[in-house]
Amino acid sequence: MTASTPRNILPLLAAGQAQKEVTHNAALMLADILIQSAVQSAAFTNPPLFPTAGQCWLVASPASGAWTGKDGHLAAWSESGWIFIAPRPGLETTDLSNGQSVRYDGTAWSSGVIKASSVEIAGQQVLAARQAAISNPSGGETIDSQARITINSILNALRSHGLIVS
């Protein structure tokens, strides 16, 4: 039997183990950090001076002090000291300092990036995949400069929002 769960490395009780409450409490602490995870900030490279039990940070690089060597880890303060959790692909937390979602892709953390195939509001799709480029108006027998200015403004807005290719 393994000593921990495969995904979140929560410690498992062993048959005949003495002081099972220690292992059980350690698993509860890790679950408390990971379930609906939130960090105070993702920008600290060294530990705060006076953390409160239950507060967490995403350790920025280059880590120093008690966080040395823990770049990219979640660091949670407990009554017993620092608990570090190595990130795994798909781990997501909320940065309370700016309200943005921070997600680990297996290589690096990304902040404020939302990946989706479409966006719906009240059941109506409002955004989808980027469309092909649309060329600026040209030619024609009658040139309406005001219409062309407006069309160009619309096209530039769509391009700047990434909705159509430039």
N, C-alpha and C. Protein backbone atom coordinates (compact mmCIF):
# COMPACT_ATOMS: atom_id res chain seq x y z
N MET A 1 0.85 -1.18 0.00
CA MET A 1 0.00 0.00 0.00
C MET A 1 0.89 1.24 0.00
N THR A 2 0.49 2.23 -0.77
CA THR A 2 1.27 3.46 -0.83
C THR A 2 1.04 4.30 0.43
N ALA A 3 1.93 5.24 0.66
CA ALA A 3 1.85 6.08 1.85
C ALA A 3 1.01 7.32 1.63
N SER A 4 0.66 7.62 0.35
CA SER A 4 -0.11 8.84 0.08
C SER A 4 -0.99 8.66 -1.15
N THR A 5 -1.96 9.56 -1.28
CA THR A 5 -2.84 9.53 -2.44
C THR A 5 -2.06 9.96 -3.68
N PRO A 6 -2.43 9.46 -4.86
CA PRO A 6 -1.64 9.75 -6.05
C PRO A 6 -1.75 11.19 -6.57
N ARG A 7 -2.89 11.84 -6.44
CA ARG A 7 -3.05 13.18 -7.02
C ARG A 7 -2.56 14.30 -6.11
N ASN A 8 -3.03 14.35 -4.91
CA ASN A 8 -2.72 15.47 -4.02
C ASN A 8 -1.75 15.11 -2.91
N ILE A 9 -1.21 13.91 -2.93
CA ILE A 9 -0.20 13.45 -1.98
C ILE A 9 -0.70 13.61 -0.53
N LEU A 10 -1.96 13.29 -0.30
CA LEU A 10 -2.50 13.31 1.06
C LEU A 10 -2.02 12.06 1.78
N PRO A 11 -1.49 12.19 2.99
CA PRO A 11 -0.97 11.00 3.69
C PRO A 11 -2.10 10.04 4.05
N LEU A 12 -1.81 8.76 3.88
CA LEU A 12 -2.77 7.71 4.19
C LEU A 12 -2.41 7.04 5.51
N LEU A 13 -3.41 6.56 6.21
CA LEU A 13 -3.18 5.80 7.44
C LEU A 13 -2.65 4.42 7.08
N ALA A 14 -1.79 3.90 7.90
CA ALA A 14 -1.27 2.56 7.70
C ALA A 14 -1.85 1.63 8.76
N ALA A 15 -2.03 0.37 8.41
CA ALA A 15 -2.54 -0.60 9.36
C ALA A 15 -1.57 -0.69 10.54
N GLY A 16 -2.10 -0.65 11.74
CA GLY A 16 -1.28 -0.77 12.95
C GLY A 16 -0.45 0.47 13.26
N GLN A 17 -0.73 1.55 12.57
CA GLN A 17 0.05 2.78 12.78
C GLN A 17 -0.27 3.41 14.13
N ALA A 18 0.78 3.81 14.83
CA ALA A 18 0.59 4.54 16.08
C ALA A 18 0.34 6.01 15.74
N GLN A 19 -0.33 6.70 16.60
CA GLN A 19 -0.63 8.13 16.46
C GLN A 19 -1.26 8.46 15.10
N LYS A 20 -2.32 7.73 14.77
CA LYS A 20 -3.01 7.94 13.50
C LYS A 20 -3.52 9.37 13.35
N GLU A 21 -3.77 10.01 14.48
CA GLU A 21 -4.29 11.38 14.41
C GLU A 21 -3.30 12.34 13.76
N VAL A 22 -2.01 12.07 13.87
CA VAL A 22 -1.00 12.93 13.25
C VAL A 22 -1.12 12.86 11.73
N THR A 23 -1.21 11.67 11.19
CA THR A 23 -1.35 11.47 9.74
C THR A 23 -2.68 12.03 9.26
N HIS A 24 -3.74 11.74 10.00
CA HIS A 24 -5.07 12.22 9.63
C HIS A 24 -5.11 13.74 9.63
N ASN A 25 -4.56 14.37 10.65
CA ASN A 25 -4.56 15.83 10.73
C ASN A 25 -3.72 16.45 9.62
N ALA A 26 -2.60 15.81 9.26
CA ALA A 26 -1.77 16.31 8.16
C ALA A 26 -2.56 16.27 6.85
N ALA A 27 -3.31 15.20 6.64
CA ALA A 27 -4.14 15.09 5.43
C ALA A 27 -5.22 16.17 5.42
N LEU A 28 -5.83 16.42 6.57
CA LEU A 28 -6.85 17.48 6.64
C LEU A 28 -6.25 18.85 6.36
N MET A 29 -5.04 19.11 6.83
CA MET A 29 -4.38 20.40 6.56
C MET A 29 -4.16 20.58 5.06
N LEU A 30 -3.68 19.54 4.39
CA LEU A 30 -3.45 19.62 2.95
C LEU A 30 -4.77 19.81 2.20
N ALA A 31 -5.80 19.08 2.61
CA ALA A 31 -7.11 19.23 1.97
C ALA A 31 -7.64 20.64 2.18
N ASP A 32 -7.43 21.20 3.36
CA ASP A 32 -7.88 22.56 3.66
C ASP A 32 -7.20 23.58 2.74
N ILE A 33 -5.94 23.35 2.42
CA ILE A 33 -5.20 24.26 1.54
C ILE A 33 -5.66 24.10 0.09
N LEU A 34 -5.91 22.89 -0.35
CA LEU A 34 -6.19 22.63 -1.76
C LEU A 34 -7.64 22.81 -2.18
N ILE A 35 -8.59 22.56 -1.29
CA ILE A 35 -10.00 22.67 -1.64
C ILE A 35 -10.38 24.14 -1.67
N GLN A 36 -10.89 24.60 -2.82
CA GLN A 36 -11.23 26.01 -3.05
C GLN A 36 -10.04 26.90 -2.65
N SER A 37 -8.90 26.56 -3.20
CA SER A 37 -7.64 27.21 -2.87
C SER A 37 -7.67 28.71 -3.15
N ALA A 38 -7.07 29.46 -2.24
CA ALA A 38 -6.91 30.91 -2.40
C ALA A 38 -5.59 31.30 -1.74
N VAL A 39 -4.84 32.19 -2.42
CA VAL A 39 -3.57 32.66 -1.87
C VAL A 39 -3.66 34.16 -1.62
N GLN A 40 -2.93 34.62 -0.62
CA GLN A 40 -2.90 36.05 -0.31
C GLN A 40 -2.31 36.82 -1.48
N SER A 41 -1.27 36.24 -2.11
CA SER A 41 -0.59 36.88 -3.23
C SER A 41 0.23 35.84 -3.97
N ALA A 42 0.50 36.13 -5.25
CA ALA A 42 1.38 35.29 -6.05
C ALA A 42 2.67 36.03 -6.37
N ALA A 43 2.94 37.11 -5.63
CA ALA A 43 4.09 37.97 -5.96
C ALA A 43 5.16 37.99 -4.87
N PHE A 44 4.98 37.30 -3.77
CA PHE A 44 5.97 37.33 -2.68
C PHE A 44 7.10 36.35 -2.96
N THR A 45 8.32 36.79 -2.75
CA THR A 45 9.49 35.90 -2.90
C THR A 45 10.01 35.46 -1.54
N ASN A 46 9.61 36.15 -0.48
CA ASN A 46 10.02 35.74 0.87
C ASN A 46 8.81 35.76 1.78
N PRO A 47 8.85 34.98 2.84
CA PRO A 47 7.68 34.84 3.72
C PRO A 47 7.32 36.14 4.42
N PRO A 48 6.03 36.36 4.67
CA PRO A 48 5.63 37.53 5.45
C PRO A 48 6.10 37.38 6.90
N LEU A 49 6.24 38.51 7.57
CA LEU A 49 6.75 38.47 8.94
C LEU A 49 5.77 37.87 9.94
N PHE A 50 4.48 38.16 9.76
CA PHE A 50 3.49 37.71 10.74
C PHE A 50 2.30 37.04 10.05
N PRO A 51 2.52 35.84 9.49
CA PRO A 51 1.39 35.16 8.85
C PRO A 51 0.40 34.64 9.89
N THR A 52 -0.80 34.43 9.45
CA THR A 52 -1.86 33.87 10.28
C THR A 52 -2.12 32.45 9.83
N ALA A 53 -2.38 31.57 10.77
CA ALA A 53 -2.66 30.17 10.42
C ALA A 53 -3.78 30.12 9.38
N GLY A 54 -3.54 29.35 8.32
CA GLY A 54 -4.51 29.20 7.24
C GLY A 54 -4.22 30.08 6.03
N GLN A 55 -3.39 31.10 6.20
CA GLN A 55 -3.05 31.95 5.05
C GLN A 55 -2.08 31.21 4.14
N CYS A 56 -2.23 31.43 2.83
CA CYS A 56 -1.39 30.78 1.83
C CYS A 56 -0.83 31.81 0.86
N TRP A 57 0.30 31.47 0.26
CA TRP A 57 0.93 32.29 -0.77
C TRP A 57 1.39 31.37 -1.87
N LEU A 58 1.48 31.90 -3.09
CA LEU A 58 2.12 31.20 -4.18
C LEU A 58 3.54 31.77 -4.23
N VAL A 59 4.54 30.96 -3.98
CA VAL A 59 5.92 31.44 -3.84
C VAL A 59 6.47 31.87 -5.20
N ALA A 60 6.79 33.17 -5.30
CA ALA A 60 7.36 33.72 -6.53
C ALA A 60 8.86 33.45 -6.57
N SER A 61 9.42 33.62 -7.73
CA SER A 61 10.86 33.37 -7.92
C SER A 61 11.63 34.68 -7.95
N PRO A 62 12.79 34.77 -7.36
CA PRO A 62 13.54 33.74 -6.64
C PRO A 62 13.14 33.73 -5.16
N ALA A 63 12.77 32.57 -4.68
CA ALA A 63 12.34 32.44 -3.28
C ALA A 63 13.52 32.63 -2.34
N SER A 64 13.23 33.17 -1.17
CA SER A 64 14.30 33.38 -0.18
C SER A 64 13.77 33.08 1.22
N GLY A 65 14.67 33.16 2.19
CA GLY A 65 14.30 32.90 3.58
C GLY A 65 13.81 31.47 3.74
N ALA A 66 12.76 31.31 4.52
CA ALA A 66 12.19 29.98 4.77
C ALA A 66 11.60 29.36 3.51
N TRP A 67 11.44 30.15 2.45
CA TRP A 67 10.88 29.66 1.20
C TRP A 67 11.95 29.27 0.18
N THR A 68 13.21 29.39 0.51
CA THR A 68 14.29 29.07 -0.42
C THR A 68 14.10 27.67 -1.01
N GLY A 69 14.21 27.57 -2.32
CA GLY A 69 14.05 26.29 -3.01
C GLY A 69 12.62 25.87 -3.24
N LYS A 70 11.66 26.72 -2.88
CA LYS A 70 10.25 26.36 -3.02
C LYS A 70 9.54 27.24 -4.07
N ASP A 71 10.29 27.77 -5.04
CA ASP A 71 9.70 28.59 -6.11
C ASP A 71 8.53 27.84 -6.75
N GLY A 72 7.42 28.54 -6.95
CA GLY A 72 6.25 27.95 -7.59
C GLY A 72 5.39 27.08 -6.71
N HIS A 73 5.80 26.82 -5.48
CA HIS A 73 5.00 26.00 -4.55
C HIS A 73 3.92 26.86 -3.89
N LEU A 74 2.89 26.21 -3.39
CA LEU A 74 1.96 26.87 -2.47
C LEU A 74 2.60 26.78 -1.10
N ALA A 75 2.61 27.90 -0.39
CA ALA A 75 3.16 27.93 0.97
C ALA A 75 2.03 28.34 1.91
N ALA A 76 1.72 27.49 2.86
CA ALA A 76 0.64 27.76 3.81
C ALA A 76 1.23 27.80 5.22
N TRP A 77 0.79 28.76 5.98
CA TRP A 77 1.25 28.87 7.37
C TRP A 77 0.30 28.09 8.25
N SER A 78 0.86 27.27 9.12
CA SER A 78 0.07 26.53 10.10
C SER A 78 0.64 26.82 11.48
N GLU A 79 -0.02 26.33 12.48
CA GLU A 79 0.47 26.52 13.84
C GLU A 79 1.82 25.82 14.05
N SER A 80 2.14 24.87 13.18
CA SER A 80 3.41 24.13 13.27
C SER A 80 4.49 24.70 12.35
N GLY A 81 4.16 25.69 11.54
CA GLY A 81 5.13 26.26 10.61
C GLY A 81 4.64 26.19 9.18
N TRP A 82 5.58 26.29 8.23
CA TRP A 82 5.23 26.32 6.82
C TRP A 82 4.94 24.93 6.28
N ILE A 83 3.89 24.85 5.46
CA ILE A 83 3.55 23.63 4.72
C ILE A 83 3.69 24.01 3.25
N PHE A 84 4.44 23.22 2.49
CA PHE A 84 4.65 23.50 1.07
C PHE A 84 3.99 22.41 0.23
N ILE A 85 3.33 22.86 -0.84
CA ILE A 85 2.69 21.92 -1.76
C ILE A 85 3.24 22.20 -3.16
N ALA A 86 3.87 21.18 -3.74
CA ALA A 86 4.38 21.31 -5.10
C ALA A 86 3.20 21.35 -6.07
N PRO A 87 3.26 22.21 -7.07
CA PRO A 87 2.13 22.29 -8.01
C PRO A 87 2.07 21.07 -8.92
N ARG A 88 0.88 20.73 -9.36
CA ARG A 88 0.67 19.67 -10.32
C ARG A 88 -0.16 20.26 -11.46
N PRO A 89 -0.05 19.72 -12.66
CA PRO A 89 -0.82 20.27 -13.78
C PRO A 89 -2.31 20.35 -13.46
N GLY A 90 -2.90 21.50 -13.74
CA GLY A 90 -4.32 21.72 -13.49
C GLY A 90 -4.62 22.36 -12.15
N LEU A 91 -3.60 22.47 -11.27
CA LEU A 91 -3.84 23.11 -9.97
C LEU A 91 -4.20 24.57 -10.20
N GLU A 92 -5.26 25.01 -9.56
CA GLU A 92 -5.75 26.37 -9.74
C GLU A 92 -6.04 26.98 -8.38
N THR A 93 -5.73 28.26 -8.25
CA THR A 93 -5.99 28.98 -7.02
C THR A 93 -6.44 30.39 -7.38
N THR A 94 -6.97 31.10 -6.43
CA THR A 94 -7.36 32.49 -6.64
C THR A 94 -6.39 33.38 -5.89
N ASP A 95 -5.86 34.39 -6.58
CA ASP A 95 -4.96 35.37 -5.97
C ASP A 95 -5.86 36.45 -5.35
N LEU A 96 -5.95 36.47 -4.03
CA LEU A 96 -6.84 37.40 -3.35
C LEU A 96 -6.39 38.85 -3.49
N SER A 97 -5.12 39.09 -3.84
CA SER A 97 -4.64 40.47 -3.97
C SER A 97 -5.20 41.15 -5.22
N ASN A 98 -5.59 40.36 -6.23
CA ASN A 98 -6.14 40.98 -7.45
C ASN A 98 -7.39 40.28 -7.96
N GLY A 99 -7.82 39.21 -7.29
CA GLY A 99 -9.04 38.50 -7.67
C GLY A 99 -8.90 37.62 -8.90
N GLN A 100 -7.68 37.46 -9.41
CA GLN A 100 -7.49 36.68 -10.62
C GLN A 100 -7.24 35.21 -10.33
N SER A 101 -7.67 34.39 -11.26
CA SER A 101 -7.39 32.96 -11.19
C SER A 101 -5.95 32.73 -11.63
N VAL A 102 -5.25 31.84 -10.93
CA VAL A 102 -3.87 31.50 -11.25
C VAL A 102 -3.84 29.99 -11.46
N ARG A 103 -3.32 29.56 -12.62
CA ARG A 103 -3.39 28.14 -12.98
C ARG A 103 -2.01 27.62 -13.36
N TYR A 104 -1.72 26.39 -12.92
CA TYR A 104 -0.45 25.74 -13.24
C TYR A 104 -0.67 24.77 -14.39
N ASP A 105 0.10 24.93 -15.47
CA ASP A 105 -0.09 24.09 -16.66
C ASP A 105 0.88 22.91 -16.74
N GLY A 106 1.67 22.72 -15.71
CA GLY A 106 2.65 21.64 -15.72
C GLY A 106 4.06 22.17 -15.90
N THR A 107 4.16 23.42 -16.36
CA THR A 107 5.46 24.06 -16.56
C THR A 107 5.57 25.37 -15.79
N ALA A 108 4.51 26.18 -15.86
CA ALA A 108 4.53 27.50 -15.24
C ALA A 108 3.12 27.89 -14.79
N TRP A 109 3.07 28.88 -13.91
CA TRP A 109 1.80 29.46 -13.46
C TRP A 109 1.42 30.57 -14.43
N SER A 110 0.13 30.70 -14.73
CA SER A 110 -0.36 31.83 -15.52
C SER A 110 -1.48 32.48 -14.74
N SER A 111 -1.46 33.81 -14.73
CA SER A 111 -2.42 34.57 -13.94
C SER A 111 -3.36 35.34 -14.85
N GLY A 112 -4.65 35.24 -14.56
CA GLY A 112 -5.64 36.02 -15.28
C GLY A 112 -5.95 35.53 -16.68
N VAL A 113 -5.47 34.35 -17.04
CA VAL A 113 -5.72 33.81 -18.37
C VAL A 113 -6.90 32.85 -18.29
N ILE A 114 -7.87 33.07 -19.15
CA ILE A 114 -9.03 32.19 -19.20
C ILE A 114 -8.97 31.44 -20.52
N LYS A 115 -9.01 30.13 -20.47
CA LYS A 115 -9.00 29.32 -21.69
C LYS A 115 -10.38 28.72 -21.87
N ALA A 116 -10.96 28.97 -23.05
CA ALA A 116 -12.29 28.47 -23.33
C ALA A 116 -12.48 28.37 -24.84
N SER A 117 -13.45 27.57 -25.26
CA SER A 117 -13.77 27.50 -26.68
C SER A 117 -14.86 28.50 -27.04
N SER A 118 -15.61 28.96 -26.04
CA SER A 118 -16.61 30.01 -26.25
C SER A 118 -16.97 30.62 -24.90
N VAL A 119 -17.61 31.77 -24.96
CA VAL A 119 -18.08 32.44 -23.75
C VAL A 119 -19.57 32.67 -23.91
N GLU A 120 -20.32 32.27 -22.91
CA GLU A 120 -21.78 32.46 -22.93
C GLU A 120 -22.20 33.33 -21.76
N ILE A 121 -23.16 34.20 -22.02
CA ILE A 121 -23.78 35.00 -20.98
C ILE A 121 -25.28 34.81 -21.10
N ALA A 122 -25.90 34.38 -20.01
CA ALA A 122 -27.33 34.10 -19.98
C ALA A 122 -27.74 33.15 -21.10
N GLY A 123 -26.91 32.15 -21.37
CA GLY A 123 -27.23 31.15 -22.37
C GLY A 123 -26.96 31.57 -23.81
N GLN A 124 -26.48 32.77 -24.01
CA GLN A 124 -26.19 33.26 -25.36
C GLN A 124 -24.68 33.34 -25.57
N GLN A 125 -24.20 32.72 -26.64
CA GLN A 125 -22.77 32.78 -26.95
C GLN A 125 -22.42 34.20 -27.37
N VAL A 126 -21.42 34.79 -26.69
CA VAL A 126 -20.99 36.16 -27.02
C VAL A 126 -19.59 36.19 -27.61
N LEU A 127 -18.80 35.17 -27.40
CA LEU A 127 -17.47 35.07 -27.99
C LEU A 127 -17.24 33.64 -28.44
N ALA A 128 -16.49 33.51 -29.52
CA ALA A 128 -16.11 32.19 -30.01
C ALA A 128 -14.68 32.27 -30.50
N ALA A 129 -14.25 31.28 -31.24
CA ALA A 129 -12.89 31.27 -31.77
C ALA A 129 -12.68 32.45 -32.72
N ARG A 130 -11.43 32.90 -32.80
CA ARG A 130 -11.07 34.01 -33.68
C ARG A 130 -11.41 33.66 -35.13
N GLN A 131 -11.94 34.62 -35.82
CA GLN A 131 -12.32 34.45 -37.22
C GLN A 131 -11.18 34.87 -38.15
N ALA A 132 -11.33 34.57 -39.42
CA ALA A 132 -10.32 34.92 -40.42
C ALA A 132 -10.24 36.44 -40.58
N ALA A 133 -9.15 36.88 -41.20
CA ALA A 133 -8.93 38.31 -41.43
C ALA A 133 -9.99 38.87 -42.38
N ILE A 134 -10.32 40.14 -42.19
CA ILE A 134 -11.23 40.86 -43.08
C ILE A 134 -10.44 42.04 -43.62
N SER A 135 -10.38 42.14 -44.92
CA SER A 135 -9.58 43.23 -45.50
C SER A 135 -10.33 44.56 -45.40
N ASN A 136 -9.56 45.63 -45.41
CA ASN A 136 -10.13 46.97 -45.38
C ASN A 136 -10.87 47.23 -46.68
N PRO A 137 -11.91 48.10 -46.64
CA PRO A 137 -12.66 48.40 -47.87
C PRO A 137 -11.77 49.11 -48.88
N SER A 138 -12.00 48.80 -50.15
CA SER A 138 -11.28 49.48 -51.23
C SER A 138 -12.11 49.39 -52.50
N GLY A 139 -11.76 50.22 -53.47
CA GLY A 139 -12.44 50.19 -54.76
C GLY A 139 -13.85 50.75 -54.67
N GLY A 140 -14.64 50.44 -55.67
CA GLY A 140 -16.00 50.94 -55.74
C GLY A 140 -16.06 52.23 -56.52
N GLU A 141 -17.21 52.48 -57.13
CA GLU A 141 -17.35 53.68 -57.94
C GLU A 141 -17.57 54.92 -57.07
N THR A 142 -18.35 54.77 -56.02
CA THR A 142 -18.61 55.90 -55.14
C THR A 142 -17.86 55.67 -53.85
N ILE A 143 -17.04 56.63 -53.47
CA ILE A 143 -16.27 56.50 -52.24
C ILE A 143 -16.94 57.34 -51.16
N ASP A 144 -17.39 56.66 -50.13
CA ASP A 144 -18.00 57.35 -48.99
C ASP A 144 -16.96 57.34 -47.87
N SER A 145 -16.23 58.42 -47.73
CA SER A 145 -15.12 58.45 -46.76
C SER A 145 -15.60 58.26 -45.33
N GLN A 146 -16.77 58.78 -44.98
CA GLN A 146 -17.26 58.59 -43.62
C GLN A 146 -17.58 57.12 -43.34
N ALA A 147 -18.16 56.44 -44.32
CA ALA A 147 -18.46 55.01 -44.14
C ALA A 147 -17.17 54.21 -44.01
N ARG A 148 -16.16 54.54 -44.83
CA ARG A 148 -14.89 53.83 -44.76
C ARG A 148 -14.20 54.05 -43.42
N ILE A 149 -14.26 55.26 -42.91
CA ILE A 149 -13.66 55.55 -41.60
C ILE A 149 -14.34 54.70 -40.54
N THR A 150 -15.66 54.62 -40.59
CA THR A 150 -16.41 53.84 -39.62
C THR A 150 -16.11 52.35 -39.75
N ILE A 151 -16.09 51.84 -40.98
CA ILE A 151 -15.79 50.43 -41.20
C ILE A 151 -14.37 50.11 -40.72
N ASN A 152 -13.42 50.98 -41.03
CA ASN A 152 -12.04 50.76 -40.56
C ASN A 152 -11.97 50.77 -39.04
N SER A 153 -12.72 51.64 -38.39
CA SER A 153 -12.74 51.68 -36.92
C SER A 153 -13.28 50.38 -36.35
N ILE A 154 -14.34 49.86 -36.97
CA ILE A 154 -14.91 48.59 -36.51
C ILE A 154 -13.91 47.47 -36.69
N LEU A 155 -13.27 47.42 -37.87
CA LEU A 155 -12.27 46.37 -38.12
C LEU A 155 -11.10 46.48 -37.15
N ASN A 156 -10.62 47.68 -36.89
CA ASN A 156 -9.52 47.85 -35.95
C ASN A 156 -9.90 47.41 -34.55
N ALA A 157 -11.14 47.70 -34.14
CA ALA A 157 -11.60 47.28 -32.82
C ALA A 157 -11.66 45.75 -32.74
N LEU A 158 -12.18 45.11 -33.77
CA LEU A 158 -12.24 43.65 -33.78
C LEU A 158 -10.84 43.05 -33.74
N ARG A 159 -9.89 43.64 -34.48
CA ARG A 159 -8.51 43.15 -34.48
C ARG A 159 -7.86 43.36 -33.13
N SER A 160 -8.05 44.54 -32.54
CA SER A 160 -7.38 44.83 -31.25
C SER A 160 -7.92 43.94 -30.14
N HIS A 161 -9.15 43.48 -30.25
CA HIS A 161 -9.71 42.55 -29.26
C HIS A 161 -9.38 41.11 -29.58
N GLY A 162 -8.70 40.89 -30.71
CA GLY A 162 -8.31 39.55 -31.07
C GLY A 162 -9.44 38.70 -31.64
N LEU A 163 -10.52 39.36 -32.04
CA LEU A 163 -11.66 38.61 -32.54
C LEU A 163 -11.50 38.22 -34.00
N ILE A 164 -10.71 38.97 -34.77
CA ILE A 164 -10.36 38.58 -36.12
C ILE A 164 -8.85 38.74 -36.29
N VAL A 165 -8.29 37.98 -37.20
CA VAL A 165 -6.87 38.04 -37.46
C VAL A 165 -6.52 39.35 -38.13
N SER A 166 -5.38 39.90 -37.79
CA SER A 166 -4.94 41.16 -38.42
C SER A 166 -4.51 40.94 -39.83
